[in-house]
Structures are given as structure tokens and as C-alpha cells.
Amino acid sequence: MFLNGYIYKQIHKKNVKTLFLIDILYMKDINAIYGFKNGDFIINQLKSLLKNKITKLIKKSLKRNIYSELKNLHADVFSLTLYDNLTQEEITEIRKLIFKKVINHNFNLKTKQTPINIDITIGCSKSKDSYLRVYAEKALYNAKINNIHFTYYDAKLYENDHSNENIVELLTYNIENKLVEPYLQAIVDSDTEELYKYEALMRVFDKEGNVLSPFVFIQKAKKARLYHKLMELLIDKVVDYIIKYKIHISINLDYTDILNPYVQKSIIGKINTNHIGEYLTIEILESEKISNYNIVNEFIAKVKKYGVKIAIDDFGTGFSNYEYILNLNVDYIKIDGSLIKKINEEIYLNLIKSIVHFCKQQNIKTVAEFVSDLKILRYVNAVGIDYSQGYYIGKPQPIGNIIGEKK
């Protein structure tokens, strides 16, 4: 086994690998309260959980047999290297899998006390060069100082030891040169299997023209107060594409964007001036955070006067979802991808069926996100979801590729 692993690593050492660093939070407190022997016992249990269960679940989730390597880097930090160039969707899925399995696991103590639970934070990166661990450690460090459970960084940003200031510089470069580009992902009609519309996903570029991962720049853009400028450029290009090609496109807006009077005025002005309302859908992100339904519904009423449709994104993961949907005048519900990926499991299938039934009663159309293979698509069609979106349907692409395909 060791020899096979060694040979595999030598063959693939120059290929892109994906590295997850898993850090136990508050390990000092665990040692202080339960003693170092129990602390070491918990670390060994986590190692066993990662090695014997989680790595197998990862391979099952990815639906391919990839080589993985687990190491205990420090007392409370593990590295899990996957010898594969994972997509961003796959990274998100693996991150959720690791986090869920670890925080829900009962860790025993050497003494006959009640088992305890632990918390973790994860840093991730992917690269084919020897600095992969450096990139992942930067991600882990930023996750910990920002008190969040996960951070991913694109290795391209750190190949020359780029700092946070360099990210802001690249965002400014994109704004000044109007490089922000909507990559369009297809949404198809479940009945006809024909294209229904596209979702516009923001992409920005480094100075060599490489696409930067959204994981890298979205939060930084918001903190640097550049996100609205990026969004304005994105919307301008979406408007241009609608006018030029007469295609239906969805754009994403945070709840906080809707609360911003300038953003509201800008969007409504573009819709009104260019007469594109009937081609536009606005997807409201983080809708579970809505506290003022009056403001949101006022905005919805304003844009609907021009024929704009409204969608709620990532539906199905919160406890108050049904309640806030009843308070909003929406046309579409996008069922969260974390549910769709598990649609073949009875508990999730029943939950999805209940969402579809609820939406049909309210005359709201449904969209399945993260449709990644034919098996999922067949389940989606069987339960009566109206539209499908995901990598099996089509990956996000620049407009040039899409128009070229149409020709």
C-alpha cells in the first residue's frame, strides 16, 4: 500500500492537488478542563474519523476513486491532501461534509464522562506547486482571525506572496478597466428540456487574464467597499447582452443591496431606461436575513411594474423559510444545492417534495440548483421541479462561448 501510494505521488506530484487544513478550535481550553491525556485522546479520535470515515465519504461524494493523504501537521492541525483538481462546487461540498461529520461526532474521554463535541475551522487551497501548504495556511489563518469556519484562497494570488492589498489592487484594476464579466450558467425547462434562461455569475481577472475564484474576491470586495462598483459593471454588461442578444438573465442581489437606496435607484433606472424588465430576473440572496419585509416588497413591487421576475435563492436550509416566503411576492424558489445533491436519500427527497408541493400551492415555480449528473436530474424531473441548473446542464461560460454555440 505504501509503495503504491509513493509511486502514485511521484507520478502526480506536478499535477494540481487540493489541500484542506483542519484545525481544532479552543484546544487549549479542552486541555485545561479535561487534561492533556484527554486532549491527546480527542486528537487521535479525530485522526481516526478523518482517515477511516471522512476520506471514504469524500470519495463517495466525488464519485471517483482519488488518492488522499492525511497528516497530523501540528498537535491540533490535520492536513488532508486530495490528489485531484477539485471544482469550486466540489470544494464546497467537501468542506460541508468534513465540518458536519466532525462537529456532530461524539468524542469520548478517557474518564467515564459524557462525550463532548469539538469545533473546527478549515483552510483550503489548490495548486500544483510546492507552496500549496503555504497557501492553505494563509487561508486557515484568515479564517481564524475573522472567526469563520472556512476560507479558500486561489493560489494564483500568492504565487508572488500577494497580500490583501494586492487583492484590492486587482479588484480596482478590474473596475478601472471594466473587466468584470458575467459568466452565464444555463437553466433549462424540465418539461421541454430547452433553455429557459441564464444566471449571471460575477467573474474578475488577474493581470494575466486568469479568472479569479469567487471565494477569493467576494468577501474582500465587500470589506473594501468595492462590491457595489463591481456589481454595477456586471449589471451594465448584463443589460448590454439582453439588448443585443434578447436572452433572459438572472442577477443576484443581497438583501443589503436592496436596502441601499443608491443600488435600488441605479437598478430601477437601468431597467426603465433600457426596457429590459421582461428579460430580467432578480435573485435575492441571504433572504433569511430579511427583517424589514416592507422595504423588500416595495422594491419588488417597483421592479415588477417593468416585468421583472423575482426569485429566492438557496431555499430549504433555514427554519423560517416558509414563513418569509409567504411575506414576499416571488415568482421562483431556487432549492438549495445541498438538498438537491442528496435527493436520492429518502429524508431529503421527502423534504424536497414538501417544498415543491408548497410552491405549487402558492403558484411559485421551482428551480433545482447543483444538478451535477443524470441521476439527480431524473429525480428532479420525477418530483416535479420546474427548472434545473448545474454542471450537468452546463458550466458558467462567457458570452462569447454561448453565442458561438447558438450559431
Protein backbone atom coordinates (compact mmCIF):
# COMPACT_ATOMS: atom_id res chain seq x y z
CA MET A 1 0.00 0.00 0.00
CA PHE A 2 2.80 2.41 0.97
CA LEU A 3 4.73 1.63 -2.21
CA ASN A 4 1.64 2.15 -4.37
CA GLY A 5 0.96 5.47 -2.63
CA TYR A 6 4.58 6.56 -3.07
CA ILE A 7 4.54 5.70 -6.79
CA TYR A 8 1.19 7.50 -7.25
CA LYS A 9 2.50 10.64 -5.55
CA GLN A 10 5.65 10.65 -7.67
CA ILE A 11 3.64 10.30 -10.89
CA HIS A 12 1.15 13.02 -9.96
CA LYS A 13 3.36 15.37 -7.92
CA LYS A 14 3.34 18.01 -10.69
CA ASN A 15 -0.46 17.92 -11.07
CA VAL A 16 -2.90 20.18 -9.24
CA LYS A 17 -3.74 18.97 -5.73
CA THR A 18 -6.39 20.26 -3.31
CA LEU A 19 -5.37 20.69 0.33
CA PHE A 20 -7.68 21.07 3.35
CA LEU A 21 -6.18 22.11 6.70
CA ILE A 22 -8.44 21.17 9.63
CA ASP A 23 -7.75 22.95 12.92
CA ILE A 24 -9.40 22.06 16.26
CA LEU A 25 -10.64 25.27 17.86
CA TYR A 26 -10.11 26.02 21.56
CA MET A 27 -7.78 23.06 22.08
CA LYS A 28 -6.13 24.90 24.98
CA ASP A 29 -9.49 25.04 26.76
CA ILE A 30 -10.03 21.31 26.23
CA ASN A 31 -6.57 20.56 27.67
CA ALA A 32 -7.15 22.92 30.59
CA ILE A 33 -10.54 21.45 31.51
CA TYR A 34 -10.06 17.75 30.77
CA GLY A 35 -6.27 17.38 30.88
CA PHE A 36 -3.64 16.69 28.23
CA LYS A 37 -4.28 12.94 28.13
CA ASN A 38 -7.87 13.52 27.18
CA GLY A 39 -6.74 16.20 24.72
CA ASP A 40 -4.42 13.73 23.01
CA PHE A 41 -7.21 11.12 23.07
CA ILE A 42 -9.55 13.53 21.23
CA ILE A 43 -6.88 14.32 18.63
CA ASN A 44 -6.40 10.59 17.98
CA GLN A 45 -10.15 10.13 17.60
CA LEU A 46 -10.29 12.97 15.07
CA LYS A 47 -7.43 11.37 13.14
CA SER A 48 -9.32 8.08 13.05
CA LEU A 49 -12.56 9.82 11.99
CA LEU A 50 -10.80 11.63 9.15
CA LYS A 51 -8.88 8.57 7.99
CA ASN A 52 -11.44 5.80 8.33
CA LYS A 53 -14.73 7.53 7.63
CA ILE A 54 -14.48 11.02 6.17
CA THR A 55 -11.97 10.20 3.40
CA LYS A 56 -14.24 7.34 2.27
CA LEU A 57 -17.27 9.64 2.28
CA ILE A 58 -15.32 12.19 0.23
CA LYS A 59 -14.55 9.62 -2.47
CA LYS A 60 -18.19 8.53 -2.44
CA SER A 61 -19.35 12.16 -2.75
CA LEU A 62 -16.92 12.84 -5.63
CA LYS A 63 -17.97 9.58 -7.31
CA ARG A 64 -14.41 8.74 -8.23
CA ASN A 65 -11.53 6.98 -6.51
CA ILE A 66 -8.85 9.59 -5.83
CA TYR A 67 -5.68 9.25 -3.79
CA SER A 68 -5.76 11.06 -0.44
CA GLU A 69 -3.09 11.69 2.16
CA LEU A 70 -3.76 12.57 5.82
CA LYS A 71 -1.10 14.06 8.11
CA ASN A 72 -1.05 15.44 11.64
CA LEU A 73 0.91 18.65 10.99
CA HIS A 74 0.74 20.09 14.50
CA ALA A 75 -0.84 18.92 17.74
CA ASP A 76 -4.32 20.07 16.70
CA VAL A 77 -3.99 20.62 12.93
CA PHE A 78 -4.52 17.95 10.27
CA SER A 79 -3.81 18.20 6.56
CA LEU A 80 -5.91 16.29 4.06
CA THR A 81 -4.44 16.33 0.56
CA LEU A 82 -6.62 15.18 -2.33
CA TYR A 83 -4.64 14.42 -5.47
CA ASP A 84 -7.24 15.97 -7.73
CA ASN A 85 -8.10 19.39 -9.17
CA LEU A 86 -11.46 19.81 -7.45
CA THR A 87 -14.03 22.25 -8.81
CA GLN A 88 -15.31 25.03 -6.57
CA GLU A 89 -18.61 23.16 -6.21
CA GLU A 90 -16.73 20.06 -5.08
CA ILE A 91 -14.62 22.05 -2.61
CA THR A 92 -17.80 23.50 -1.12
CA GLU A 93 -19.34 20.04 -0.82
CA ILE A 94 -16.23 18.51 0.80
CA ARG A 95 -15.90 21.43 3.22
CA LYS A 96 -19.52 20.94 4.31
CA LEU A 97 -19.02 17.18 4.62
CA ILE A 98 -15.91 17.50 6.83
CA PHE A 99 -17.46 20.17 9.02
CA LYS A 100 -20.77 18.34 9.51
CA LYS A 101 -19.18 14.98 10.33
CA VAL A 102 -16.67 16.45 12.81
CA ILE A 103 -18.95 18.80 14.76
CA ASN A 104 -21.70 16.16 15.04
CA HIS A 105 -19.31 13.45 16.22
CA ASN A 106 -19.26 12.50 19.91
CA PHE A 107 -15.67 12.45 21.19
CA ASN A 108 -15.10 10.17 24.16
CA LEU A 109 -12.97 10.98 27.19
CA LYS A 110 -10.71 8.52 28.98
CA THR A 111 -12.73 9.09 32.12
CA LYS A 112 -16.35 7.91 32.22
CA GLN A 113 -17.76 11.32 31.48
CA THR A 114 -20.33 12.36 28.88
CA PRO A 115 -18.76 12.56 25.39
CA ILE A 116 -18.03 16.08 24.14
CA ASN A 117 -18.23 17.83 20.79
CA ILE A 118 -15.48 19.93 19.21
CA ASP A 119 -15.44 22.83 16.77
CA ILE A 120 -13.10 23.23 13.81
CA THR A 121 -12.04 25.76 11.22
CA ILE A 122 -10.80 24.85 7.74
CA GLY A 123 -8.40 26.48 5.30
CA CYS A 124 -8.22 25.27 1.72
CA SER A 125 -6.29 25.91 -1.47
CA LYS A 126 -5.29 24.07 -4.63
CA SER A 127 -2.14 24.28 -6.70
CA LYS A 128 0.48 22.18 -8.46
CA ASP A 129 3.50 23.96 -6.97
CA SER A 130 5.44 23.29 -3.76
CA TYR A 131 3.86 26.23 -1.91
CA LEU A 132 0.43 24.60 -1.65
CA ARG A 133 0.69 24.25 2.13
CA VAL A 134 1.69 27.92 2.44
CA TYR A 135 -1.42 28.96 0.54
CA ALA A 136 -3.68 26.72 2.65
CA GLU A 137 -2.08 28.01 5.88
CA LYS A 138 -2.78 31.58 4.77
CA ALA A 139 -6.40 30.55 4.20
CA LEU A 140 -6.59 28.91 7.64
CA TYR A 141 -5.02 31.94 9.32
CA ASN A 142 -7.53 34.30 7.70
CA ALA A 143 -10.43 32.05 8.69
CA LYS A 144 -9.31 32.06 12.32
CA ILE A 145 -8.70 35.81 12.63
CA ASN A 146 -12.08 36.51 11.04
CA ASN A 147 -13.85 33.98 13.29
CA ILE A 148 -15.28 32.00 10.39
CA HIS A 149 -15.24 28.26 9.80
CA PHE A 150 -13.82 28.18 6.28
CA THR A 151 -11.67 30.22 3.91
CA TYR A 152 -10.45 29.31 0.44
CA TYR A 153 -7.74 31.17 -1.43
CA ASP A 154 -6.77 30.88 -5.05
CA ALA A 155 -3.07 30.01 -5.16
CA LYS A 156 -2.54 32.41 -8.07
CA LEU A 157 -2.92 35.31 -5.68
CA TYR A 158 0.00 34.10 -3.58
CA GLU A 159 2.48 32.85 -6.13
CA ASN A 160 4.38 36.09 -5.63
CA ASP A 161 3.39 36.49 -1.98
CA HIS A 162 0.43 38.70 -2.80
CA SER A 163 -1.14 40.35 0.25
CA ASN A 164 -4.68 41.51 0.87
CA GLU A 165 -3.71 44.83 -0.63
CA ASN A 166 -2.94 43.05 -3.89
CA ILE A 167 -6.44 41.61 -3.97
CA VAL A 168 -7.87 45.11 -3.60
CA GLU A 169 -5.45 46.28 -6.29
CA LEU A 170 -6.71 43.58 -8.66
CA LEU A 171 -10.32 44.49 -7.94
CA THR A 172 -9.54 48.16 -8.60
CA TYR A 173 -7.77 47.12 -11.81
CA ASN A 174 -10.92 45.26 -12.90
CA ILE A 175 -13.11 48.26 -12.09
CA GLU A 176 -10.90 50.81 -13.85
CA ASN A 177 -10.61 48.63 -16.96
CA LYS A 178 -14.22 47.42 -16.86
CA LEU A 179 -13.08 43.80 -16.90
CA VAL A 180 -15.85 42.44 -14.67
CA GLU A 181 -17.62 39.79 -16.69
CA PRO A 182 -20.88 37.89 -16.19
CA TYR A 183 -20.30 34.19 -16.79
CA LEU A 184 -23.67 32.71 -17.76
CA GLN A 185 -24.95 29.36 -16.48
CA ALA A 186 -27.91 27.77 -18.26
CA ILE A 187 -31.24 27.00 -16.59
CA VAL A 188 -33.41 24.52 -18.53
CA ASP A 189 -37.13 23.73 -18.55
CA SER A 190 -37.76 20.28 -17.07
CA ASP A 191 -40.71 19.56 -19.37
CA THR A 192 -39.24 20.66 -22.71
CA GLU A 193 -35.52 20.21 -21.83
CA GLU A 194 -34.96 23.52 -23.62
CA LEU A 195 -33.01 26.54 -22.41
CA TYR A 196 -35.16 28.79 -20.24
CA LYS A 197 -32.73 31.47 -19.09
CA TYR A 198 -29.21 32.08 -17.73
CA GLU A 199 -27.88 33.07 -14.33
CA ALA A 200 -25.13 35.72 -14.41
CA LEU A 201 -22.21 34.87 -12.08
CA MET A 202 -19.57 37.51 -11.44
CA ARG A 203 -16.02 36.84 -12.59
CA VAL A 204 -12.94 39.07 -12.31
CA PHE A 205 -9.43 38.55 -13.66
CA ASP A 206 -5.79 38.96 -12.73
CA LYS A 207 -3.44 40.94 -14.96
CA GLU A 208 -2.54 37.82 -16.95
CA GLY A 209 -6.21 37.24 -17.78
CA ASN A 210 -6.74 34.30 -15.40
CA VAL A 211 -10.17 34.04 -13.79
CA LEU A 212 -10.12 34.55 -10.01
CA SER A 213 -12.22 32.30 -7.82
CA PRO A 214 -15.29 33.99 -6.28
CA PHE A 215 -14.16 32.50 -2.94
CA VAL A 216 -11.18 34.83 -3.13
CA PHE A 217 -12.66 38.18 -4.00
CA ILE A 218 -16.34 38.42 -2.99
CA GLN A 219 -15.87 38.98 0.74
CA LYS A 220 -12.77 41.11 0.20
CA ALA A 221 -14.68 43.28 -2.28
CA LYS A 222 -17.43 43.82 0.29
CA LYS A 223 -14.98 44.70 3.06
CA ALA A 224 -13.11 47.10 0.77
CA ARG A 225 -16.43 48.74 -0.26
CA LEU A 226 -15.81 47.83 -3.92
CA TYR A 227 -18.59 45.28 -4.31
CA HIS A 228 -21.24 47.78 -5.45
CA LYS A 229 -18.92 49.09 -8.18
CA LEU A 230 -18.24 45.54 -9.37
CA MET A 231 -21.98 44.82 -9.34
CA GLU A 232 -22.74 47.96 -11.31
CA LEU A 233 -20.29 46.92 -14.03
CA LEU A 234 -21.76 43.41 -14.03
CA ILE A 235 -25.30 44.72 -14.39
CA ASP A 236 -24.25 47.08 -17.19
CA LYS A 237 -22.88 44.13 -19.16
CA VAL A 238 -25.96 42.04 -18.43
CA VAL A 239 -28.11 44.90 -19.77
CA ASP A 240 -25.93 45.08 -22.90
CA TYR A 241 -26.23 41.33 -23.50
CA ILE A 242 -30.00 41.39 -23.04
CA ILE A 243 -30.36 44.27 -25.51
CA LYS A 244 -28.01 42.73 -28.04
CA TYR A 245 -28.97 39.05 -27.87
CA LYS A 246 -32.51 39.12 -26.40
CA ILE A 247 -31.68 36.47 -23.79
CA HIS A 248 -33.28 36.09 -20.36
CA ILE A 249 -30.80 36.54 -17.49
CA SER A 250 -30.96 36.33 -13.68
CA ILE A 251 -28.78 38.56 -11.50
CA ASN A 252 -28.05 38.13 -7.79
CA LEU A 253 -28.75 40.82 -5.20
CA ASP A 254 -28.02 40.63 -1.46
CA TYR A 255 -30.71 41.73 0.95
CA THR A 256 -28.32 44.54 1.93
CA ASP A 257 -28.20 45.69 -1.72
CA ILE A 258 -31.97 46.09 -1.68
CA LEU A 259 -31.74 48.19 1.49
CA ASN A 260 -29.27 50.53 -0.24
CA PRO A 261 -31.22 53.44 -1.85
CA TYR A 262 -28.42 54.11 -4.38
CA VAL A 263 -28.38 50.49 -5.56
CA GLN A 264 -32.17 50.45 -5.82
CA LYS A 265 -32.25 53.69 -7.84
CA SER A 266 -29.44 52.51 -10.14
CA ILE A 267 -31.06 49.16 -10.94
CA ILE A 268 -34.55 50.54 -11.46
CA GLY A 269 -33.10 53.32 -13.66
CA LYS A 270 -31.30 50.80 -15.89
CA ILE A 271 -34.42 48.65 -16.19
CA ASN A 272 -36.61 51.62 -17.05
CA THR A 273 -34.21 53.31 -19.49
CA ASN A 274 -33.36 50.15 -21.43
CA HIS A 275 -36.80 48.47 -21.35
CA ILE A 276 -35.36 45.10 -20.34
CA GLY A 277 -37.70 44.16 -17.48
CA GLU A 278 -39.33 41.22 -19.25
CA TYR A 279 -35.89 39.65 -19.82
CA LEU A 280 -34.62 40.08 -16.23
CA THR A 281 -34.94 38.03 -13.04
CA ILE A 282 -33.57 39.25 -9.71
CA GLU A 283 -32.45 36.53 -7.28
CA ILE A 284 -32.46 37.64 -3.65
CA LEU A 285 -29.53 36.17 -1.71
CA GLU A 286 -29.39 35.58 2.06
CA SER A 287 -33.15 36.10 2.22
CA GLU A 288 -33.28 34.50 5.67
CA LYS A 289 -31.71 37.74 6.99
CA ILE A 290 -34.65 39.86 5.87
CA SER A 291 -36.01 41.80 8.82
CA ASN A 292 -37.94 44.56 7.01
CA TYR A 293 -40.37 42.95 4.58
CA ASN A 294 -41.97 46.29 3.75
CA ILE A 295 -38.80 47.67 2.14
CA VAL A 296 -38.18 44.45 0.21
CA ASN A 297 -41.76 44.23 -1.02
CA GLU A 298 -41.70 47.90 -2.04
CA PHE A 299 -38.62 47.13 -4.16
CA ILE A 300 -40.25 44.01 -5.60
CA ALA A 301 -43.38 45.99 -6.49
CA LYS A 302 -41.30 48.68 -8.23
CA VAL A 303 -39.35 46.27 -10.45
CA LYS A 304 -42.35 44.07 -11.19
CA LYS A 305 -44.04 47.08 -12.80
CA TYR A 306 -41.44 46.66 -15.56
CA GLY A 307 -41.99 42.91 -15.92
CA VAL A 308 -39.04 41.78 -13.77
CA LYS A 309 -39.35 38.37 -12.09
CA ILE A 310 -38.21 37.67 -8.51
CA ALA A 311 -36.50 34.53 -7.21
CA ILE A 312 -35.40 33.46 -3.74
CA ASP A 313 -32.01 31.73 -3.75
CA ASP A 314 -30.82 28.79 -1.59
CA PHE A 315 -34.26 27.87 -0.26
CA GLY A 316 -34.71 24.96 2.12
CA THR A 317 -31.87 25.26 4.62
CA GLY A 318 -33.41 27.57 7.24
CA PHE A 319 -36.22 27.04 9.75
CA SER A 320 -38.24 30.16 8.88
CA ASN A 321 -38.15 29.78 5.09
CA TYR A 322 -41.83 29.02 4.59
CA GLU A 323 -42.81 31.97 6.76
CA TYR A 324 -40.73 34.56 4.92
CA ILE A 325 -41.77 33.24 1.51
CA LEU A 326 -45.39 33.91 2.44
CA ASN A 327 -44.36 37.51 3.18
CA LEU A 328 -42.75 38.07 -0.23
CA ASN A 329 -44.26 38.33 -3.72
CA VAL A 330 -41.89 35.98 -5.55
CA ASP A 331 -42.06 34.04 -8.82
CA TYR A 332 -39.37 31.38 -8.31
CA ILE A 333 -37.84 29.37 -5.48
CA LYS A 334 -34.33 28.00 -6.06
CA ILE A 335 -33.98 24.88 -3.93
CA ASP A 336 -30.62 24.80 -2.19
CA GLY A 337 -27.96 22.64 -3.81
CA SER A 338 -27.11 20.90 -0.53
CA LEU A 339 -30.59 19.32 -0.64
CA ILE A 340 -30.57 18.55 -4.37
CA LYS A 341 -27.25 16.69 -4.09
CA LYS A 342 -28.89 14.29 -1.61
CA ILE A 343 -32.22 13.95 -3.42
CA ASN A 344 -31.71 10.17 -3.68
CA GLU A 345 -31.84 9.89 0.14
CA GLU A 346 -35.38 9.43 1.44
CA ILE A 347 -35.30 12.13 4.11
CA TYR A 348 -34.08 14.79 1.65
CA LEU A 349 -36.38 13.54 -1.10
CA ASN A 350 -39.38 13.97 1.21
CA LEU A 351 -38.22 17.46 2.22
CA ILE A 352 -37.85 18.48 -1.43
CA LYS A 353 -41.28 17.05 -2.24
CA SER A 354 -42.78 19.17 0.54
CA ILE A 355 -41.10 22.30 -0.86
CA VAL A 356 -42.38 21.54 -4.38
CA HIS A 357 -45.89 20.89 -3.05
CA PHE A 358 -45.84 24.16 -1.08
CA CYS A 359 -44.65 26.11 -4.13
CA LYS A 360 -47.30 24.62 -6.40
CA GLN A 361 -49.98 25.65 -3.90
CA GLN A 362 -48.58 29.20 -3.92
CA ASN A 363 -48.20 29.24 -7.72
CA ILE A 364 -44.42 29.65 -7.40
CA LYS A 365 -42.07 27.95 -9.89
CA THR A 366 -39.17 25.86 -8.58
CA VAL A 367 -35.55 25.61 -9.73
CA ALA A 368 -33.13 22.84 -8.72
CA GLU A 369 -29.54 24.01 -8.19
CA PHE A 370 -26.39 21.82 -8.33
CA VAL A 371 -27.78 19.28 -10.79
CA SER A 372 -24.45 17.55 -11.34
CA ASP A 373 -25.40 14.27 -13.04
CA LEU A 374 -28.16 12.41 -14.89
CA LYS A 375 -29.31 10.52 -11.80
CA ILE A 376 -30.03 13.77 -9.93
CA LEU A 377 -31.75 15.24 -13.00
CA ARG A 378 -34.10 12.24 -13.19
CA TYR A 379 -35.05 12.66 -9.52
CA VAL A 380 -35.58 16.40 -10.09
CA ASN A 381 -37.91 15.72 -13.00
CA ALA A 382 -39.74 12.97 -11.13
CA VAL A 383 -40.68 15.20 -8.16
CA GLY A 384 -41.98 17.93 -10.47
CA ILE A 385 -39.35 20.66 -10.11
CA ASP A 386 -39.92 23.10 -12.97
CA TYR A 387 -36.33 24.01 -13.92
CA SER A 388 -32.81 22.63 -13.49
CA GLN A 389 -29.38 24.25 -13.18
CA GLY A 390 -25.93 22.78 -12.51
CA TYR A 391 -22.77 21.40 -14.08
CA TYR A 392 -24.65 18.53 -15.76
CA ILE A 393 -26.80 21.12 -17.53
CA GLY A 394 -23.89 23.45 -18.26
CA LYS A 395 -20.96 25.21 -16.61
CA PRO A 396 -20.81 29.01 -16.34
CA GLN A 397 -19.39 30.40 -19.60
CA PRO A 398 -18.50 33.79 -21.08
CA ILE A 399 -20.98 35.24 -23.53
CA GLY A 400 -18.69 34.54 -26.50
CA ASN A 401 -18.89 30.79 -25.92
CA ILE A 402 -22.67 30.88 -25.58
CA ILE A 403 -23.31 32.95 -28.69
CA GLY A 404 -20.84 30.75 -30.57
CA GLU A 405 -22.83 27.66 -29.53
CA LYS A 406 -26.07 29.26 -30.72
CA LYS A 407 -24.56 29.88 -34.15
